[in-house]
Each structure stands twice: as C-alpha cells, then as structure tokens.
C-alpha cells in the first residue's frame, strides 16, 4: 500500500521520464536515417544563428536598465540625432567657401 501511494505521488515525474526516454529513442532512430542528417547539415547555420540570437536576448534581458542620470544624457543624444536626421542642423562647412 505504501508503494502505491508513492507511485501515485510521483506519477507526473514517471510520465515525464517515460516521454523523455521515448523522445530520445525516437531521435536516435531518426538520426540514423540519412534524410534527417542531411536536413541537419543543410540547416546548421540557421540553427546556430537562432541559438546566438536567443542567447543575446537572454543576455540583454538580464542587463539592468539605464539609471536616471544616464537616461537624461541618452535623451539629449537621441534628440540631437533626431534633429540631425530631420534636417534641423547646421551644415558642417561654410557654403561660401565651397570648392567647385
């Protein structure tokens, strides 16, 4: 009776372990087929770039945000860049001394 209670208590762990084992066995069986290996060799750059992008997303998600003092200087720099792109800037040279 005591064993049955422990099995019922751990039923989700046992089912998870069985699913994991079946998944690993099926992957090993499929990996032995040449079609699956050719797909892996064809798409390995895509898998690698996706893994790198996910790693960068996780890295930047853990990076702390700007402090309030940095935010004001960032806002000023961004505003200057927006003004430059919008055309509200002085030309870098004097138009009267332009060489033709």
C-alpha atoms as a PDB file:
ATOM      1  CA  UNK A   1       0.000   0.000   0.000  1.00  0.00           C
ATOM      2  CA  UNK A   2       2.836   2.332   0.777  1.00  0.00           C
ATOM      3  CA  UNK A   3       4.449   1.734  -2.637  1.00  0.00           C
ATOM      4  CA  UNK A   4       1.209   2.519  -4.479  1.00  0.00           C
ATOM      5  CA  UNK A   5       0.901   5.843  -2.652  1.00  0.00           C
ATOM      6  CA  UNK A   6       4.466   6.787  -3.616  1.00  0.00           C
ATOM      7  CA  UNK A   7       3.869   5.803  -7.241  1.00  0.00           C
ATOM      8  CA  UNK A   8       0.665   7.861  -7.354  1.00  0.00           C
ATOM      9  CA  UNK A   9       2.502  10.769  -5.750  1.00  0.00           C
ATOM     10  CA  UNK A  10       5.280  10.604  -8.388  1.00  0.00           C
ATOM     11  CA  UNK A  11       3.077   9.798 -11.402  1.00  0.00           C
ATOM     12  CA  UNK A  12       3.899  13.027 -13.251  1.00  0.00           C
ATOM     13  CA  UNK A  13       7.623  12.510 -12.774  1.00  0.00           C
ATOM     14  CA  UNK A  14       7.381   8.949 -14.057  1.00  0.00           C
ATOM     15  CA  UNK A  15       5.329  10.013 -17.088  1.00  0.00           C
ATOM     16  CA  UNK A  16       7.783  12.817 -17.828  1.00  0.00           C
ATOM     17  CA  UNK A  17      10.721  10.417 -17.649  1.00  0.00           C
ATOM     18  CA  UNK A  18       8.957   7.983 -19.984  1.00  0.00           C
ATOM     19  CA  UNK A  19       8.167  10.719 -22.500  1.00  0.00           C
ATOM     20  CA  UNK A  20      11.778  11.919 -22.364  1.00  0.00           C
ATOM     21  CA  UNK A  21      13.110   8.400 -22.911  1.00  0.00           C
ATOM     22  CA  UNK A  22      10.742   7.775 -25.813  1.00  0.00           C
ATOM     23  CA  UNK A  23      11.692  11.097 -27.376  1.00  0.00           C
ATOM     24  CA  UNK A  24      15.414  10.368 -27.091  1.00  0.00           C
ATOM     25  CA  UNK A  25      14.994   6.869 -28.524  1.00  0.00           C
ATOM     26  CA  UNK A  26      12.923   8.155 -31.446  1.00  0.00           C
ATOM     27  CA  UNK A  27      15.508  10.887 -32.147  1.00  0.00           C
ATOM     28  CA  UNK A  28      18.277   8.297 -32.163  1.00  0.00           C
ATOM     29  CA  UNK A  29      16.332   6.087 -34.563  1.00  0.00           C
ATOM     30  CA  UNK A  30      15.548   9.013 -36.854  1.00  0.00           C
ATOM     31  CA  UNK A  31      19.110  10.321 -36.668  1.00  0.00           C
ATOM     32  CA  UNK A  32      20.362   7.090 -38.145  1.00  0.00           C
ATOM     33  CA  UNK A  33      18.337   7.789 -41.276  1.00  0.00           C
ATOM     34  CA  UNK A  34      20.227   9.750 -43.934  1.00  0.00           C
ATOM     35  CA  UNK A  35      17.363  12.160 -44.584  1.00  0.00           C
ATOM     36  CA  UNK A  36      17.400  13.649 -41.086  1.00  0.00           C
ATOM     37  CA  UNK A  37      21.175  14.057 -41.076  1.00  0.00           C
ATOM     38  CA  UNK A  38      21.071  15.794 -44.439  1.00  0.00           C
ATOM     39  CA  UNK A  39      18.493  18.231 -43.031  1.00  0.00           C
ATOM     40  CA  UNK A  40      20.723  18.956 -40.051  1.00  0.00           C
ATOM     41  CA  UNK A  41      23.757  19.525 -42.251  1.00  0.00           C
ATOM     42  CA  UNK A  42      21.765  21.831 -44.537  1.00  0.00           C
ATOM     43  CA  UNK A  43      20.166  23.921 -41.779  1.00  0.00           C
ATOM     44  CA  UNK A  44      23.019  24.082 -39.240  1.00  0.00           C
ATOM     45  CA  UNK A  45      23.733  27.794 -39.939  1.00  0.00           C
ATOM     46  CA  UNK A  46      20.091  28.611 -39.244  1.00  0.00           C
ATOM     47  CA  UNK A  47      20.149  26.629 -36.001  1.00  0.00           C
ATOM     48  CA  UNK A  48      23.392  28.313 -34.939  1.00  0.00           C
ATOM     49  CA  UNK A  49      22.189  31.845 -35.686  1.00  0.00           C
ATOM     50  CA  UNK A  50      18.899  31.204 -33.896  1.00  0.00           C
ATOM     51  CA  UNK A  51      20.763  29.954 -30.839  1.00  0.00           C
ATOM     52  CA  UNK A  52      23.013  33.030 -30.873  1.00  0.00           C
ATOM     53  CA  UNK A  53      20.056  35.400 -31.153  1.00  0.00           C
ATOM     54  CA  UNK A  54      18.306  33.653 -28.265  1.00  0.00           C
ATOM     55  CA  UNK A  55      21.489  33.890 -26.191  1.00  0.00           C
ATOM     56  CA  UNK A  56      21.704  37.624 -26.919  1.00  0.00           C
ATOM     57  CA  UNK A  57      18.061  38.114 -25.989  1.00  0.00           C
ATOM     58  CA  UNK A  58      18.625  36.351 -22.681  1.00  0.00           C
ATOM     59  CA  UNK A  59      21.805  38.382 -22.079  1.00  0.00           C
ATOM     60  CA  UNK A  60      20.119  41.713 -22.770  1.00  0.00           C
ATOM     61  CA  UNK A  61      17.080  40.726 -20.724  1.00  0.00           C
ATOM     62  CA  UNK A  62      19.343  40.290 -17.703  1.00  0.00           C
ATOM     63  CA  UNK A  63      21.187  43.585 -18.301  1.00  0.00           C
ATOM     64  CA  UNK A  64      19.956  46.293 -15.925  1.00  0.00           C
ATOM     65  CA  UNK A  65      18.273  49.332 -17.462  1.00  0.00           C
ATOM     66  CA  UNK A  66      19.793  52.816 -17.577  1.00  0.00           C
ATOM     67  CA  UNK A  67      19.990  54.793 -14.363  1.00  0.00           C
ATOM     68  CA  UNK A  68      18.056  58.086 -14.258  1.00  0.00           C
ATOM     69  CA  UNK A  69      21.240  60.156 -14.711  1.00  0.00           C
ATOM     70  CA  UNK A  70      22.187  58.176 -17.806  1.00  0.00           C
ATOM     71  CA  UNK A  71      18.659  58.447 -19.179  1.00  0.00           C
ATOM     72  CA  UNK A  72      18.821  62.254 -19.433  1.00  0.00           C
ATOM     73  CA  UNK A  73      22.124  62.190 -21.340  1.00  0.00           C
ATOM     74  CA  UNK A  74      20.763  59.422 -23.540  1.00  0.00           C
ATOM     75  CA  UNK A  75      17.658  61.518 -24.235  1.00  0.00           C
ATOM     76  CA  UNK A  76      19.789  64.543 -25.194  1.00  0.00           C
ATOM     77  CA  UNK A  77      21.930  62.479 -27.551  1.00  0.00           C
ATOM     78  CA  UNK A  78      18.867  60.890 -29.103  1.00  0.00           C
ATOM     79  CA  UNK A  79      17.212  64.277 -29.533  1.00  0.00           C
ATOM     80  CA  UNK A  80      20.319  65.620 -31.286  1.00  0.00           C
ATOM     81  CA  UNK A  81      20.352  62.640 -33.616  1.00  0.00           C
ATOM     82  CA  UNK A  82      16.651  63.094 -34.413  1.00  0.00           C
ATOM     83  CA  UNK A  83      17.212  66.786 -35.129  1.00  0.00           C
ATOM     84  CA  UNK A  84      20.091  65.940 -37.460  1.00  0.00           C
ATOM     85  CA  UNK A  85      18.043  63.338 -39.337  1.00  0.00           C
ATOM     86  CA  UNK A  86      15.061  65.717 -39.596  1.00  0.00           C
ATOM     87  CA  UNK A  87      17.286  68.315 -41.249  1.00  0.00           C
ATOM     88  CA  UNK A  88      17.409  70.806 -38.370  1.00  0.00           C
ATOM     89  CA  UNK A  89      21.183  71.080 -38.251  1.00  0.00           C
ATOM     90  CA  UNK A  90      23.912  73.449 -39.291  1.00  0.00           C
ATOM     91  CA  UNK A  91      25.974  72.368 -42.284  1.00  0.00           C
ATOM     92  CA  UNK A  92      29.439  71.136 -41.322  1.00  0.00           C
ATOM     93  CA  UNK A  93      31.098  73.677 -43.648  1.00  0.00           C
ATOM     94  CA  UNK A  94      30.512  77.217 -44.752  1.00  0.00           C
ATOM     95  CA  UNK A  95      28.666  77.287 -48.079  1.00  0.00           C
ATOM     96  CA  UNK A  96      30.537  80.424 -49.222  1.00  0.00           C
ATOM     97  CA  UNK A  97      33.893  78.645 -49.241  1.00  0.00           C
ATOM     98  CA  UNK A  98      32.678  75.604 -51.084  1.00  0.00           C
ATOM     99  CA  UNK A  99      35.094  74.440 -53.757  1.00  0.00           C
ATOM    100  CA  UNK A 100      33.506  73.517 -57.063  1.00  0.00           C
END
